[in-house]
Amino acid sequence: MYHSKLTFWISGIREEIVRQWEQLAPLPRFAHVFRTPERLEELPAGRNQIVIFHENAGLLPSKIREQVGKLGTCILCGESLASFSREELLCADEFWCGSFEAQDPIWRIRFEKLLERLKSQKDAWLTENYLDCTINMLPDLVWYKDREGIHLKVNDSFAEVTGKSKEECANKDHYYIWGVSKEDYADKPLDCAASENAVFEAGKTMVFDEDVVMAGKGTRKFRTWKTPVFEEDGTILGTVGIGRDMTQEYEYRKTIEDMAHRDAMTGLANRRYMYEYVRTKCAGKRLTVIAFDLDHFKHVNDTYGHQTGDAALLVLAEMLLRIFDDGLCIRMGGDEFMVVLPDAPSREDVEHRVQKFMDQLLAFYQMDPELEELSVSAGIAYGADMPLPLEELIRQSDAALYQAKQGGRACYRVYSLAMDLDCFV
């Protein structure tokens, strides 16, 4: 991808040696030009500027370094270099010592090695540039950590989300970068540390769902991909991580699940979720099922309109949730409701709460002239010690509710076998 033109600034080196260097073919993607600086000020800065000078040329390494910058290359040649101070020598990148005889092949070899090093440096720069371009165009967060959890490199998205520059994130731990203290995690383990330990143990890429506490932003949900980085001998140096903020997606998913599981108007569970609830959360439990039905609801709805009818249903749902908070409250449809209680304390408790619900709802309805003729009937079906299928308990509660309706309404009945016979009379 790249093509570099290397400028070699030569001062004080024998012409026969320089001609040997000029005769060497450039490596792929490189071109060479050789010049002699007339004055230091004409030396440009940059990676492609290489100054090779003899100790007798009257130049100081420190002055050359000022001109070519930290990316340029400064090579000091001579026999002893004893005339330079330690501080001056520290400004040079390499030292080529010897008699500088033209017939000595060492100078050609050293120049060839220099070309190889310059190419390796350029290739390393290109690789890092590839890496930066790749990770910085990603919308996901990318980071590199050592084994101690210190961030060595992050991408633009990481810096943007944390509110810190990439330089500020370098050589910092999780707590500093996310602006939190260890006390924020006092009641739970640090997810990122636990997941990285899992990657160290497994020695392979793993995927995690993690909660990240962010200063001023609360807890965010991230899906992270983490993979180990290996040393040449196979030991793990650290990890590379990619993080995707899933908070909004989780919220959308929860909303969709709620829509699938909840009645849109009352917020109660729907019939579909009732079966899932019993299947996943009530296995082996003795169930009590209570069926409720509003009395005279159709007349009130037709007379005063749907808004009045909806208000009556909302009050019922709210009161149902308050009194039967240990079970699942369901709107089966229309003015039909149901409560599923897993392992209810006692029949006395169940019937006491059913009566309490009916009394309080009736009292509320009677305060409104449009709702005063409403009441509620209920049918209760108790599961036996040997758990009965939900469908059978629903059938029994409906049979008991039918008896309550036949018995004058505004009351409850408990299922018995005799009710099944009455339904067919």
Protein backbone atom coordinates (compact mmCIF):
# COMPACT_ATOMS: atom_id res chain seq x y z
CA MET A 1 0.00 0.00 0.00
CA TYR A 2 2.77 2.46 0.87
CA HIS A 3 5.72 3.74 -1.19
CA SER A 4 8.46 5.48 0.75
CA LYS A 5 11.27 7.66 -0.51
CA LEU A 6 14.20 7.49 1.89
CA THR A 7 16.59 10.44 1.98
CA PHE A 8 20.06 9.60 3.25
CA TRP A 9 21.96 12.67 4.40
CA ILE A 10 25.67 11.80 4.30
CA SER A 11 28.42 13.86 5.93
CA GLY A 12 32.07 12.93 6.40
CA ILE A 13 31.79 9.40 4.95
CA ARG A 14 34.28 8.30 2.25
CA GLU A 15 32.88 8.60 -1.28
CA GLU A 16 33.85 5.01 -2.16
CA ILE A 17 31.64 3.69 0.67
CA VAL A 18 28.74 5.96 -0.27
CA ARG A 19 28.93 4.74 -3.89
CA GLN A 20 28.59 1.15 -2.62
CA TRP A 21 25.44 2.17 -0.80
CA GLU A 22 24.06 3.97 -3.85
CA GLN A 23 24.53 0.83 -5.94
CA LEU A 24 22.30 -1.25 -3.65
CA ALA A 25 18.80 -1.82 -5.05
CA PRO A 26 16.04 -0.41 -2.85
CA LEU A 27 13.81 -2.89 -1.10
CA PRO A 28 10.21 -3.31 -2.40
CA ARG A 29 8.08 -0.16 -1.98
CA PHE A 30 11.17 1.99 -1.30
CA ALA A 31 13.24 4.49 -3.26
CA HIS A 32 16.57 6.04 -2.24
CA VAL A 33 18.15 9.43 -2.64
CA PHE A 34 21.55 10.49 -1.23
CA ARG A 35 22.37 14.06 -0.31
CA THR A 36 25.00 16.04 1.52
CA PRO A 37 23.63 18.73 3.86
CA GLU A 38 25.21 22.13 3.42
CA ARG A 39 23.77 23.33 6.69
CA LEU A 40 21.76 21.72 9.51
CA GLU A 41 18.71 23.88 8.89
CA GLU A 42 17.98 22.11 5.59
CA LEU A 43 17.47 18.74 7.32
CA PRO A 44 13.73 17.99 7.32
CA ALA A 45 12.00 16.03 10.06
CA GLY A 46 10.29 12.69 9.62
CA ARG A 47 10.57 8.93 9.52
CA ASN A 48 12.13 8.90 6.04
CA GLN A 49 15.07 11.14 6.94
CA ILE A 50 18.28 9.28 7.80
CA VAL A 51 21.46 11.13 8.71
CA ILE A 52 24.77 9.19 8.57
CA PHE A 53 27.72 11.30 9.64
CA HIS A 54 31.30 10.83 10.77
CA GLU A 55 32.55 12.13 14.08
CA ASN A 56 34.95 14.42 12.22
CA ALA A 57 32.16 16.12 10.23
CA GLY A 58 31.72 18.76 12.94
CA LEU A 59 28.11 17.85 13.66
CA LEU A 60 26.52 17.15 17.03
CA PRO A 61 23.95 14.34 17.47
CA SER A 62 21.78 16.63 19.61
CA LYS A 63 21.53 19.23 16.83
CA ILE A 64 20.71 16.59 14.25
CA ARG A 65 18.03 15.17 16.53
CA GLU A 66 16.45 18.61 16.84
CA GLN A 67 16.19 18.79 13.05
CA VAL A 68 14.98 15.29 12.11
CA GLY A 69 12.80 14.84 15.16
CA LYS A 70 12.19 11.68 17.15
CA LEU A 71 11.05 9.74 14.05
CA GLY A 72 14.17 10.48 12.01
CA THR A 73 17.29 8.29 12.21
CA CYS A 74 20.66 9.55 13.43
CA ILE A 75 23.72 7.29 12.85
CA LEU A 76 27.05 8.38 14.27
CA CYS A 77 30.19 6.88 12.71
CA GLY A 78 33.79 6.94 13.85
CA GLU A 79 36.69 5.03 15.30
CA SER A 80 36.28 5.72 19.05
CA LEU A 81 33.53 8.36 19.49
CA ALA A 82 35.40 9.40 22.63
CA SER A 83 34.98 13.08 21.85
CA PHE A 84 31.24 13.00 22.49
CA SER A 85 29.59 13.24 25.90
CA ARG A 86 27.15 10.67 27.15
CA GLU A 87 24.30 13.11 26.60
CA GLU A 88 25.32 13.57 22.99
CA LEU A 89 25.64 9.86 22.39
CA LEU A 90 22.13 9.31 23.78
CA CYS A 91 20.77 11.45 20.93
CA ALA A 92 22.04 9.00 18.30
CA ASP A 93 20.13 5.90 17.22
CA GLU A 94 23.08 3.80 16.13
CA PHE A 95 26.88 3.79 16.26
CA TRP A 96 28.97 2.48 13.35
CA CYS A 97 32.54 2.14 14.52
CA GLY A 98 35.56 1.12 12.42
CA SER A 99 38.36 2.29 10.16
CA PHE A 100 36.01 2.98 7.22
CA GLU A 101 38.17 1.35 4.59
CA ALA A 102 36.32 1.11 1.29
CA GLN A 103 37.33 -2.50 0.71
CA ASP A 104 35.87 -3.58 4.06
CA PRO A 105 32.52 -5.33 3.30
CA ILE A 106 31.15 -4.47 6.75
CA TRP A 107 29.91 -1.06 5.59
CA ARG A 108 27.83 -2.52 2.78
CA ILE A 109 26.41 -5.13 5.16
CA ARG A 110 25.58 -2.51 7.78
CA PHE A 111 23.75 -0.44 5.20
CA GLU A 112 21.81 -3.47 4.01
CA LYS A 113 20.84 -4.20 7.62
CA LEU A 114 19.78 -0.58 8.02
CA LEU A 115 17.49 -0.86 5.01
CA GLU A 116 15.91 -3.98 6.47
CA ARG A 117 15.34 -2.25 9.82
CA LEU A 118 13.81 0.76 8.13
CA LYS A 119 11.47 -1.51 6.19
CA SER A 120 10.54 -3.39 9.37
CA GLN A 121 9.78 -0.08 11.08
CA LYS A 122 7.65 1.03 8.14
CA ASP A 123 5.81 -2.31 8.05
CA ALA A 124 5.21 -2.07 11.80
CA TRP A 125 3.89 1.45 11.36
CA LEU A 126 1.62 0.29 8.54
CA THR A 127 0.34 -2.61 10.65
CA GLU A 128 -0.44 -0.26 13.53
CA ASN A 129 -2.08 2.13 11.09
CA TYR A 130 -4.20 -0.72 9.71
CA LEU A 131 -5.16 -1.64 13.27
CA ASP A 132 -6.08 1.92 14.24
CA CYS A 133 -8.14 2.46 11.09
CA THR A 134 -9.95 -0.82 11.64
CA ILE A 135 -10.84 -0.42 15.30
CA ASN A 136 -11.64 3.29 15.06
CA MET A 137 -14.24 2.80 12.34
CA LEU A 138 -16.12 0.30 14.52
CA PRO A 139 -19.16 1.56 16.46
CA ASP A 140 -18.42 -1.03 19.16
CA LEU A 141 -15.95 -0.41 21.96
CA VAL A 142 -12.52 -2.02 21.49
CA TRP A 143 -9.78 -2.28 24.11
CA TYR A 144 -6.54 -4.10 24.85
CA LYS A 145 -5.61 -5.05 28.42
CA ASP A 146 -2.68 -6.69 30.13
CA ARG A 147 -3.10 -9.49 32.64
CA GLU A 148 -3.51 -7.00 35.49
CA GLY A 149 -6.51 -5.37 33.83
CA ILE A 150 -4.67 -2.22 32.73
CA HIS A 151 -5.88 -0.74 29.44
CA LEU A 152 -3.07 -0.46 26.91
CA LYS A 153 -5.05 0.77 23.90
CA VAL A 154 -8.66 1.75 23.17
CA ASN A 155 -10.55 2.89 20.09
CA ASP A 156 -12.45 6.11 19.39
CA SER A 157 -15.82 4.63 20.38
CA PHE A 158 -14.41 3.56 23.75
CA ALA A 159 -13.06 7.06 24.38
CA GLU A 160 -16.36 8.66 23.33
CA VAL A 161 -18.46 6.47 25.63
CA THR A 162 -16.18 6.90 28.64
CA GLY A 163 -15.78 10.63 28.10
CA LYS A 164 -11.98 10.34 28.24
CA SER A 165 -9.36 10.66 25.53
CA LYS A 166 -7.48 7.62 24.33
CA GLU A 167 -4.36 9.01 25.99
CA GLU A 168 -6.20 9.35 29.30
CA CYS A 169 -7.35 5.72 29.07
CA ALA A 170 -3.85 4.36 28.43
CA ASN A 171 -2.30 2.57 31.41
CA LYS A 172 -5.43 3.00 33.53
CA ASP A 173 -7.70 0.46 35.22
CA HIS A 174 -11.46 -0.11 34.98
CA TYR A 175 -12.35 2.09 37.95
CA TYR A 176 -10.54 5.17 36.69
CA ILE A 177 -11.77 4.88 33.12
CA TRP A 178 -15.44 4.43 34.00
CA GLY A 179 -15.31 7.03 36.79
CA VAL A 180 -16.43 4.70 39.58
CA SER A 181 -15.00 3.50 42.84
CA LYS A 182 -14.54 0.00 44.17
CA GLU A 183 -17.41 0.73 46.57
CA ASP A 184 -19.76 0.85 43.56
CA TYR A 185 -19.10 -2.87 43.18
CA ALA A 186 -19.15 -3.69 46.88
CA ASP A 187 -22.35 -5.73 46.63
CA LYS A 188 -21.44 -7.62 43.45
CA PRO A 189 -18.33 -8.92 41.71
CA LEU A 190 -16.68 -6.88 38.97
CA ASP A 191 -18.03 -8.50 35.80
CA CYS A 192 -15.12 -7.53 33.57
CA ALA A 193 -12.51 -9.02 35.92
CA ALA A 194 -14.47 -12.26 36.31
CA SER A 195 -14.96 -12.65 32.56
CA GLU A 196 -11.27 -11.98 31.83
CA ASN A 197 -10.26 -14.60 34.38
CA ALA A 198 -12.56 -17.02 32.57
CA VAL A 199 -10.81 -16.22 29.29
CA PHE A 200 -7.40 -16.78 30.92
CA GLU A 201 -8.53 -20.18 32.16
CA ALA A 202 -10.19 -21.24 28.90
CA GLY A 203 -7.49 -19.82 26.64
CA LYS A 204 -10.01 -19.02 23.91
CA THR A 205 -12.51 -16.41 22.77
CA MET A 206 -15.60 -16.15 24.96
CA VAL A 207 -18.82 -14.08 24.92
CA PHE A 208 -20.35 -12.47 28.01
CA ASP A 209 -23.28 -10.31 29.05
CA GLU A 210 -21.98 -7.80 31.59
CA ASP A 211 -23.35 -4.95 33.67
CA VAL A 212 -21.06 -1.90 33.62
CA VAL A 213 -21.50 0.90 36.16
CA MET A 214 -20.84 4.24 34.46
CA ALA A 215 -20.40 7.49 36.37
CA GLY A 216 -23.45 9.67 35.84
CA LYS A 217 -25.10 7.14 33.51
CA GLY A 218 -26.04 4.33 35.89
CA THR A 219 -25.65 0.71 34.92
CA ARG A 220 -25.43 -0.21 31.26
CA LYS A 221 -25.71 -3.69 29.79
CA PHE A 222 -22.89 -4.77 27.48
CA ARG A 223 -22.31 -7.86 25.39
CA THR A 224 -18.58 -8.45 25.24
CA TRP A 225 -16.32 -10.64 23.13
CA LYS A 226 -12.95 -11.30 24.75
CA THR A 227 -10.00 -13.24 23.40
CA PRO A 228 -6.57 -13.97 24.85
CA VAL A 229 -3.34 -12.52 23.42
CA PHE A 230 -0.48 -15.00 23.51
CA GLU A 231 3.26 -14.58 23.96
CA GLU A 232 5.53 -16.55 21.62
CA ASP A 233 5.96 -19.24 24.26
CA GLY A 234 2.19 -19.66 24.63
CA THR A 235 1.70 -17.71 27.86
CA ILE A 236 -1.18 -15.23 27.90
CA LEU A 237 -0.14 -11.57 27.88
CA GLY A 238 -3.63 -10.09 28.21
CA THR A 239 -6.91 -9.78 26.34
CA VAL A 240 -8.53 -8.00 23.43
CA GLY A 241 -12.12 -7.02 24.09
CA ILE A 242 -15.04 -5.80 21.99
CA GLY A 243 -18.06 -4.37 23.81
CA ARG A 244 -21.50 -3.60 22.42
CA ASP A 245 -23.91 -1.51 24.46
CA MET A 246 -27.05 -3.63 24.58
CA THR A 247 -28.98 -1.49 27.07
CA GLN A 248 -31.46 -0.13 24.52
CA GLU A 249 -31.84 -3.53 22.90
CA TYR A 250 -32.56 -5.12 26.29
CA GLU A 251 -35.17 -2.44 26.95
CA TYR A 252 -36.75 -3.05 23.55
CA ARG A 253 -36.69 -6.79 24.16
CA LYS A 254 -38.28 -6.36 27.59
CA THR A 255 -40.96 -4.13 26.07
CA ILE A 256 -41.69 -6.73 23.40
CA GLU A 257 -41.80 -9.49 25.99
CA ASP A 258 -44.13 -7.42 28.15
CA MET A 259 -46.36 -6.81 25.15
CA ALA A 260 -46.41 -10.54 24.48
CA HIS A 261 -47.09 -11.43 28.11
CA ARG A 262 -49.28 -8.55 29.30
CA ASP A 263 -52.75 -7.28 28.66
CA ALA A 264 -52.29 -3.90 26.97
CA MET A 265 -55.01 -2.08 28.92
CA THR A 266 -54.73 -3.41 32.49
CA GLY A 267 -51.08 -4.49 32.55
CA LEU A 268 -52.09 -7.88 33.96
CA ALA A 269 -50.67 -11.08 32.56
CA ASN A 270 -52.45 -12.52 29.57
CA ARG A 271 -53.66 -16.06 29.01
CA ARG A 272 -50.53 -16.97 27.03
CA TYR A 273 -48.17 -15.97 29.82
CA MET A 274 -50.27 -17.79 32.41
CA TYR A 275 -49.30 -21.15 30.86
CA GLU A 276 -45.62 -20.16 30.66
CA TYR A 277 -45.67 -18.98 34.28
CA VAL A 278 -47.13 -22.25 35.53
CA ARG A 279 -44.74 -24.31 33.39
CA THR A 280 -41.55 -22.48 34.40
CA LYS A 281 -42.24 -21.29 37.95
CA CYS A 282 -44.82 -23.60 39.48
CA ALA A 283 -43.45 -27.06 38.81
CA GLY A 284 -44.41 -29.40 41.66
CA LYS A 285 -46.43 -26.74 43.48
CA ARG A 286 -50.04 -27.07 44.57
CA LEU A 287 -52.02 -24.48 42.64
CA THR A 288 -55.14 -22.59 43.58
CA VAL A 289 -57.05 -21.01 40.69
CA ILE A 290 -59.65 -18.29 41.20
CA ALA A 291 -61.92 -17.14 38.35
CA PHE A 292 -63.56 -13.69 38.55
CA ASP A 293 -66.28 -12.19 36.41
CA LEU A 294 -67.92 -8.77 36.66
CA ASP A 295 -71.68 -8.83 37.16
CA HIS A 296 -73.80 -6.61 34.86
CA PHE A 297 -70.68 -5.34 33.05
CA LYS A 298 -72.22 -5.50 29.57
CA HIS A 299 -75.17 -3.36 30.65
CA VAL A 300 -72.89 -0.70 32.18
CA ASN A 301 -70.58 -0.75 29.15
CA ASP A 302 -73.49 -0.41 26.70
CA THR A 303 -75.24 2.27 28.79
CA TYR A 304 -72.35 4.53 29.77
CA GLY A 305 -69.77 3.75 27.10
CA HIS A 306 -66.45 1.99 26.84
CA GLN A 307 -64.57 4.63 28.83
CA THR A 308 -66.71 3.87 31.86
CA GLY A 309 -66.33 0.14 31.28
CA ASP A 310 -62.54 0.49 30.92
CA ALA A 311 -62.36 2.48 34.17
CA ALA A 312 -64.22 -0.32 35.98
CA LEU A 313 -61.75 -2.90 34.61
CA LEU A 314 -58.71 -0.82 35.59
CA VAL A 315 -59.92 -0.48 39.16
CA LEU A 316 -60.52 -4.22 39.33
CA ALA A 317 -57.03 -4.98 38.00
CA GLU A 318 -55.33 -2.60 40.42
CA MET A 319 -57.16 -4.06 43.40
CA LEU A 320 -56.46 -7.60 42.20
CA LEU A 321 -52.70 -6.91 42.12
CA ARG A 322 -52.77 -5.41 45.59
CA ILE A 323 -54.67 -8.20 47.32
CA PHE A 324 -53.17 -11.16 45.43
CA ASP A 325 -49.61 -9.92 45.24
CA ASP A 326 -48.19 -13.41 45.86
CA GLY A 327 -49.69 -14.91 42.72
CA LEU A 328 -50.23 -14.23 39.04
CA CYS A 329 -53.16 -12.00 38.10
CA ILE A 330 -54.49 -12.57 34.58
CA ARG A 331 -57.00 -10.90 32.32
CA MET A 332 -58.53 -13.77 30.39
CA GLY A 333 -60.51 -11.46 28.13
CA GLY A 334 -63.35 -8.94 28.37
CA ASP A 335 -64.51 -8.80 32.00
CA GLU A 336 -63.09 -12.24 32.87
CA PHE A 337 -60.10 -12.40 35.22
CA MET A 338 -58.18 -15.14 36.96
CA VAL A 339 -55.63 -15.50 39.77
CA VAL A 340 -53.16 -18.38 40.05
CA LEU A 341 -51.72 -18.89 43.55
CA PRO A 342 -48.80 -21.34 43.95
CA ASP A 343 -48.78 -23.07 47.36
CA ALA A 344 -51.34 -20.76 49.00
CA PRO A 345 -50.99 -20.71 52.83
CA SER A 346 -54.48 -22.09 53.55
CA ARG A 347 -58.00 -22.24 52.21
CA GLU A 348 -59.09 -19.84 54.94
CA ASP A 349 -56.56 -17.29 53.75
CA VAL A 350 -57.62 -17.66 50.11
CA GLU A 351 -61.33 -17.29 50.83
CA HIS A 352 -60.71 -14.39 53.21
CA ARG A 353 -58.85 -12.52 50.50
CA VAL A 354 -61.46 -13.33 47.84
CA GLN A 355 -64.19 -11.94 50.09
CA LYS A 356 -62.06 -8.90 50.94
CA PHE A 357 -61.50 -8.24 47.26
CA MET A 358 -65.18 -8.53 46.45
CA ASP A 359 -66.19 -6.26 49.35
CA GLN A 360 -63.65 -3.54 48.58
CA LEU A 361 -64.40 -3.56 44.86
CA LEU A 362 -68.15 -3.37 45.50
CA ALA A 363 -67.65 -0.49 47.93
CA PHE A 364 -65.64 1.41 45.34
CA TYR A 365 -68.16 0.83 42.55
CA GLN A 366 -71.04 2.03 44.72
CA MET A 367 -69.38 5.43 45.09
CA ASP A 368 -69.93 6.08 41.39
CA PRO A 369 -73.51 6.27 40.06
CA GLU A 370 -72.41 4.83 36.71
CA LEU A 371 -70.73 1.83 38.36
CA GLU A 372 -73.00 1.22 41.35
CA GLU A 373 -74.80 -1.74 39.84
CA LEU A 374 -71.52 -3.61 39.23
CA SER A 375 -70.34 -6.45 41.45
CA VAL A 376 -68.04 -9.41 41.03
CA SER A 377 -68.56 -13.17 41.26
CA ALA A 378 -65.80 -15.71 41.86
CA GLY A 379 -65.13 -19.42 41.61
CA ILE A 380 -62.30 -21.15 43.51
CA ALA A 381 -60.60 -24.41 42.59
CA TYR A 382 -58.05 -25.89 45.01
CA GLY A 383 -55.37 -28.16 43.69
CA ALA A 384 -54.95 -31.50 45.43
CA ASP A 385 -51.74 -32.77 47.03
CA MET A 386 -51.10 -34.47 43.71
CA PRO A 387 -50.81 -31.41 41.41
CA LEU A 388 -53.63 -31.15 38.89
CA PRO A 389 -53.10 -29.87 35.33
CA LEU A 390 -53.78 -26.16 34.94
CA GLU A 391 -56.50 -26.78 32.39
CA GLU A 392 -58.40 -28.93 34.87
CA LEU A 393 -58.17 -26.29 37.60
CA ILE A 394 -59.38 -23.63 35.16
CA ARG A 395 -62.33 -25.82 34.28
CA GLN A 396 -63.13 -26.35 37.96
CA SER A 397 -62.90 -22.64 38.79
CA ASP A 398 -65.21 -21.85 35.86
CA ALA A 399 -67.71 -24.42 37.16
CA ALA A 400 -67.58 -22.80 40.61
CA LEU A 401 -67.97 -19.34 39.04
CA TYR A 402 -71.03 -20.58 37.16
CA GLN A 403 -72.56 -21.66 40.47
CA ALA A 404 -71.81 -18.24 41.98
CA LYS A 405 -73.58 -16.56 39.06
CA GLN A 406 -76.54 -18.92 39.40
CA GLY A 407 -76.62 -18.31 43.14
CA GLY A 408 -77.36 -14.62 42.83
CA ARG A 409 -73.96 -13.12 41.93
CA ALA A 410 -71.74 -10.93 44.13
CA CYS A 411 -70.49 -14.08 45.89
CA TYR A 412 -67.94 -16.85 45.52
CA ARG A 413 -68.23 -20.62 45.38
CA VAL A 414 -65.63 -23.36 45.93
CA TYR A 415 -65.54 -26.16 43.40
CA SER A 416 -66.94 -29.55 44.34
CA LEU A 417 -67.67 -32.64 42.27
CA ALA A 418 -71.39 -31.98 42.53
CA MET A 419 -70.97 -28.83 40.44
CA ASP A 420 -70.04 -30.87 37.41
CA LEU A 421 -73.39 -32.64 37.62
CA ASP A 422 -75.28 -29.38 38.03
CA CYS A 423 -73.76 -27.99 34.84
CA PHE A 424 -75.52 -30.70 32.86
CA VAL A 425 -78.91 -30.41 34.54
